[in-house]
Amino acid sequence: MKSALKTTCARKEVVLENANKSTIDKAHLEDWIDCYDVMHMLRISYRTLQTFRSNGMIPFSRIGKKVYFLRQDIEKILADNYKMNLIRYDYGKSNK
């Protein structure tokens, strides 16, 4: 009786592990976006995006003819290239 109970518990654990892995895999798949979404996010043309890929500026994955990008990579590139320009309030004032 105890061995049957242990076997049943072990099977439930395996089923739960597989279910959790499936849920995690689906969440990871939602992190991938295609080139049209990237072009829209960055407001660039397809050719510019292709140049970024060719120059190694943006990591990507290709399945057949379809190209995918990780959303986190695009957000990191935007954050890394963020520059804050200070507005000078003394513009147009004469130095007397």
C-alpha atoms as a PDB file:
ATOM      1  CA  MET A   1       0.000   0.000   0.000  1.00  0.00           C
ATOM      2  CA  LYS A   2       2.796   2.446   0.885  1.00  0.00           C
ATOM      3  CA  SER A   3       4.647   1.662  -2.333  1.00  0.00           C
ATOM      4  CA  ALA A   4       1.520   2.360  -4.409  1.00  0.00           C
ATOM      5  CA  LEU A   5       1.081   5.664  -2.575  1.00  0.00           C
ATOM      6  CA  LYS A   6       4.735   6.596  -3.199  1.00  0.00           C
ATOM      7  CA  THR A   7       4.373   5.708  -6.889  1.00  0.00           C
ATOM      8  CA  THR A   8       1.228   7.840  -7.185  1.00  0.00           C
ATOM      9  CA  CYS A   9       2.921  10.779  -5.446  1.00  0.00           C
ATOM     10  CA  ALA A  10       5.959  10.439  -7.693  1.00  0.00           C
ATOM     11  CA  ARG A  11       3.737  10.456 -10.795  1.00  0.00           C
ATOM     12  CA  LYS A  12       1.919  13.577  -9.563  1.00  0.00           C
ATOM     13  CA  GLU A  13       5.246  15.323  -9.042  1.00  0.00           C
ATOM     14  CA  VAL A  14       6.354  14.464 -12.578  1.00  0.00           C
ATOM     15  CA  VAL A  15       3.058  15.727 -14.003  1.00  0.00           C
ATOM     16  CA  LEU A  16       3.347  18.974 -12.006  1.00  0.00           C
ATOM     17  CA  GLU A  17       6.957  19.470 -13.117  1.00  0.00           C
ATOM     18  CA  ASN A  18       5.979  19.009 -16.758  1.00  0.00           C
ATOM     19  CA  ALA A  19       3.049  21.402 -16.359  1.00  0.00           C
ATOM     20  CA  ASN A  20       5.312  24.023 -14.776  1.00  0.00           C
ATOM     21  CA  LYS A  21       7.877  23.629 -17.574  1.00  0.00           C
ATOM     22  CA  SER A  22       5.126  24.064 -20.172  1.00  0.00           C
ATOM     23  CA  THR A  23       3.916  27.249 -18.479  1.00  0.00           C
ATOM     24  CA  ILE A  24       7.477  28.590 -18.302  1.00  0.00           C
ATOM     25  CA  ASP A  25       8.078  27.749 -21.968  1.00  0.00           C
ATOM     26  CA  LYS A  26       4.922  29.621 -23.001  1.00  0.00           C
ATOM     27  CA  ALA A  27       6.028  32.656 -20.997  1.00  0.00           C
ATOM     28  CA  HIS A  28       9.412  32.579 -22.713  1.00  0.00           C
ATOM     29  CA  LEU A  29       7.801  32.348 -26.137  1.00  0.00           C
ATOM     30  CA  GLU A  30       5.863  35.533 -25.460  1.00  0.00           C
ATOM     31  CA  ASP A  31       9.194  37.344 -24.959  1.00  0.00           C
ATOM     32  CA  TRP A  32      10.067  36.854 -28.642  1.00  0.00           C
ATOM     33  CA  ILE A  33       8.898  39.493 -31.120  1.00  0.00           C
ATOM     34  CA  ASP A  34       9.197  39.615 -34.897  1.00  0.00           C
ATOM     35  CA  CYS A  35      10.946  42.186 -37.061  1.00  0.00           C
ATOM     36  CA  TYR A  36       7.783  44.224 -37.679  1.00  0.00           C
ATOM     37  CA  ASP A  37       7.295  44.770 -33.948  1.00  0.00           C
ATOM     38  CA  VAL A  38      10.947  45.804 -33.598  1.00  0.00           C
ATOM     39  CA  MET A  39      10.681  48.205 -36.544  1.00  0.00           C
ATOM     40  CA  HIS A  40       7.613  49.742 -34.922  1.00  0.00           C
ATOM     41  CA  MET A  41       9.280  50.006 -31.488  1.00  0.00           C
ATOM     42  CA  LEU A  42      12.442  51.609 -32.862  1.00  0.00           C
ATOM     43  CA  ARG A  43      10.686  53.532 -35.653  1.00  0.00           C
ATOM     44  CA  ILE A  44      13.154  52.269 -38.247  1.00  0.00           C
ATOM     45  CA  SER A  45      12.862  50.728 -41.709  1.00  0.00           C
ATOM     46  CA  TYR A  46      13.322  47.076 -42.572  1.00  0.00           C
ATOM     47  CA  ARG A  47      16.658  47.858 -44.241  1.00  0.00           C
ATOM     48  CA  THR A  48      17.951  49.669 -41.143  1.00  0.00           C
ATOM     49  CA  LEU A  49      16.959  46.714 -38.992  1.00  0.00           C
ATOM     50  CA  GLN A  50      18.738  44.388 -41.413  1.00  0.00           C
ATOM     51  CA  THR A  51      21.864  46.565 -41.160  1.00  0.00           C
ATOM     52  CA  PHE A  52      21.697  46.409 -37.350  1.00  0.00           C
ATOM     53  CA  ARG A  53      21.477  42.607 -37.573  1.00  0.00           C
ATOM     54  CA  SER A  54      24.332  42.373 -40.077  1.00  0.00           C
ATOM     55  CA  ASN A  55      26.574  44.603 -37.949  1.00  0.00           C
ATOM     56  CA  GLY A  56      25.824  42.560 -34.820  1.00  0.00           C
ATOM     57  CA  MET A  57      24.122  45.449 -33.049  1.00  0.00           C
ATOM     58  CA  ILE A  58      20.948  43.456 -32.343  1.00  0.00           C
ATOM     59  CA  PRO A  59      20.958  39.743 -31.460  1.00  0.00           C
ATOM     60  CA  PHE A  60      18.326  37.687 -33.276  1.00  0.00           C
ATOM     61  CA  SER A  61      17.116  34.194 -34.020  1.00  0.00           C
ATOM     62  CA  ARG A  62      15.972  32.939 -37.387  1.00  0.00           C
ATOM     63  CA  ILE A  63      13.568  30.114 -38.145  1.00  0.00           C
ATOM     64  CA  GLY A  64      13.340  29.653 -41.888  1.00  0.00           C
ATOM     65  CA  LYS A  65      12.763  33.125 -43.309  1.00  0.00           C
ATOM     66  CA  LYS A  66      11.194  34.491 -40.106  1.00  0.00           C
ATOM     67  CA  VAL A  67      13.413  36.575 -37.797  1.00  0.00           C
ATOM     68  CA  TYR A  68      12.738  36.967 -34.072  1.00  0.00           C
ATOM     69  CA  PHE A  69      14.190  39.180 -31.367  1.00  0.00           C
ATOM     70  CA  LEU A  70      14.027  39.026 -27.586  1.00  0.00           C
ATOM     71  CA  ARG A  71      12.034  41.948 -26.216  1.00  0.00           C
ATOM     72  CA  GLN A  72      14.556  42.306 -23.367  1.00  0.00           C
ATOM     73  CA  ASP A  73      17.413  42.738 -25.867  1.00  0.00           C
ATOM     74  CA  ILE A  74      15.585  45.561 -27.644  1.00  0.00           C
ATOM     75  CA  GLU A  75      14.728  47.268 -24.345  1.00  0.00           C
ATOM     76  CA  LYS A  76      18.358  46.926 -23.206  1.00  0.00           C
ATOM     77  CA  ILE A  77      19.642  48.484 -26.434  1.00  0.00           C
ATOM     78  CA  LEU A  78      17.259  51.401 -25.971  1.00  0.00           C
ATOM     79  CA  ALA A  79      18.310  51.851 -22.342  1.00  0.00           C
ATOM     80  CA  ASP A  80      22.037  51.574 -23.134  1.00  0.00           C
ATOM     81  CA  ASN A  81      21.771  54.243 -25.836  1.00  0.00           C
ATOM     82  CA  TYR A  82      19.601  56.623 -23.823  1.00  0.00           C
ATOM     83  CA  LYS A  83      21.120  60.079 -23.598  1.00  0.00           C
ATOM     84  CA  MET A  84      19.825  63.000 -21.644  1.00  0.00           C
ATOM     85  CA  ASN A  85      20.519  66.393 -23.173  1.00  0.00           C
ATOM     86  CA  LEU A  86      20.520  69.266 -20.765  1.00  0.00           C
ATOM     87  CA  ILE A  87      18.597  72.290 -21.907  1.00  0.00           C
ATOM     88  CA  ARG A  88      20.558  75.453 -21.524  1.00  0.00           C
ATOM     89  CA  TYR A  89      18.405  78.223 -20.124  1.00  0.00           C
ATOM     90  CA  ASP A  90      20.904  80.938 -20.966  1.00  0.00           C
ATOM     91  CA  TYR A  91      20.472  80.473 -24.711  1.00  0.00           C
ATOM     92  CA  GLY A  92      20.135  83.793 -26.470  1.00  0.00           C
ATOM     93  CA  LYS A  93      21.302  85.852 -23.524  1.00  0.00           C
ATOM     94  CA  SER A  94      24.183  88.183 -24.135  1.00  0.00           C
ATOM     95  CA  ASN A  95      27.314  87.855 -22.022  1.00  0.00           C
ATOM     96  CA  LYS A  96      27.856  91.403 -20.758  1.00  0.00           C
END
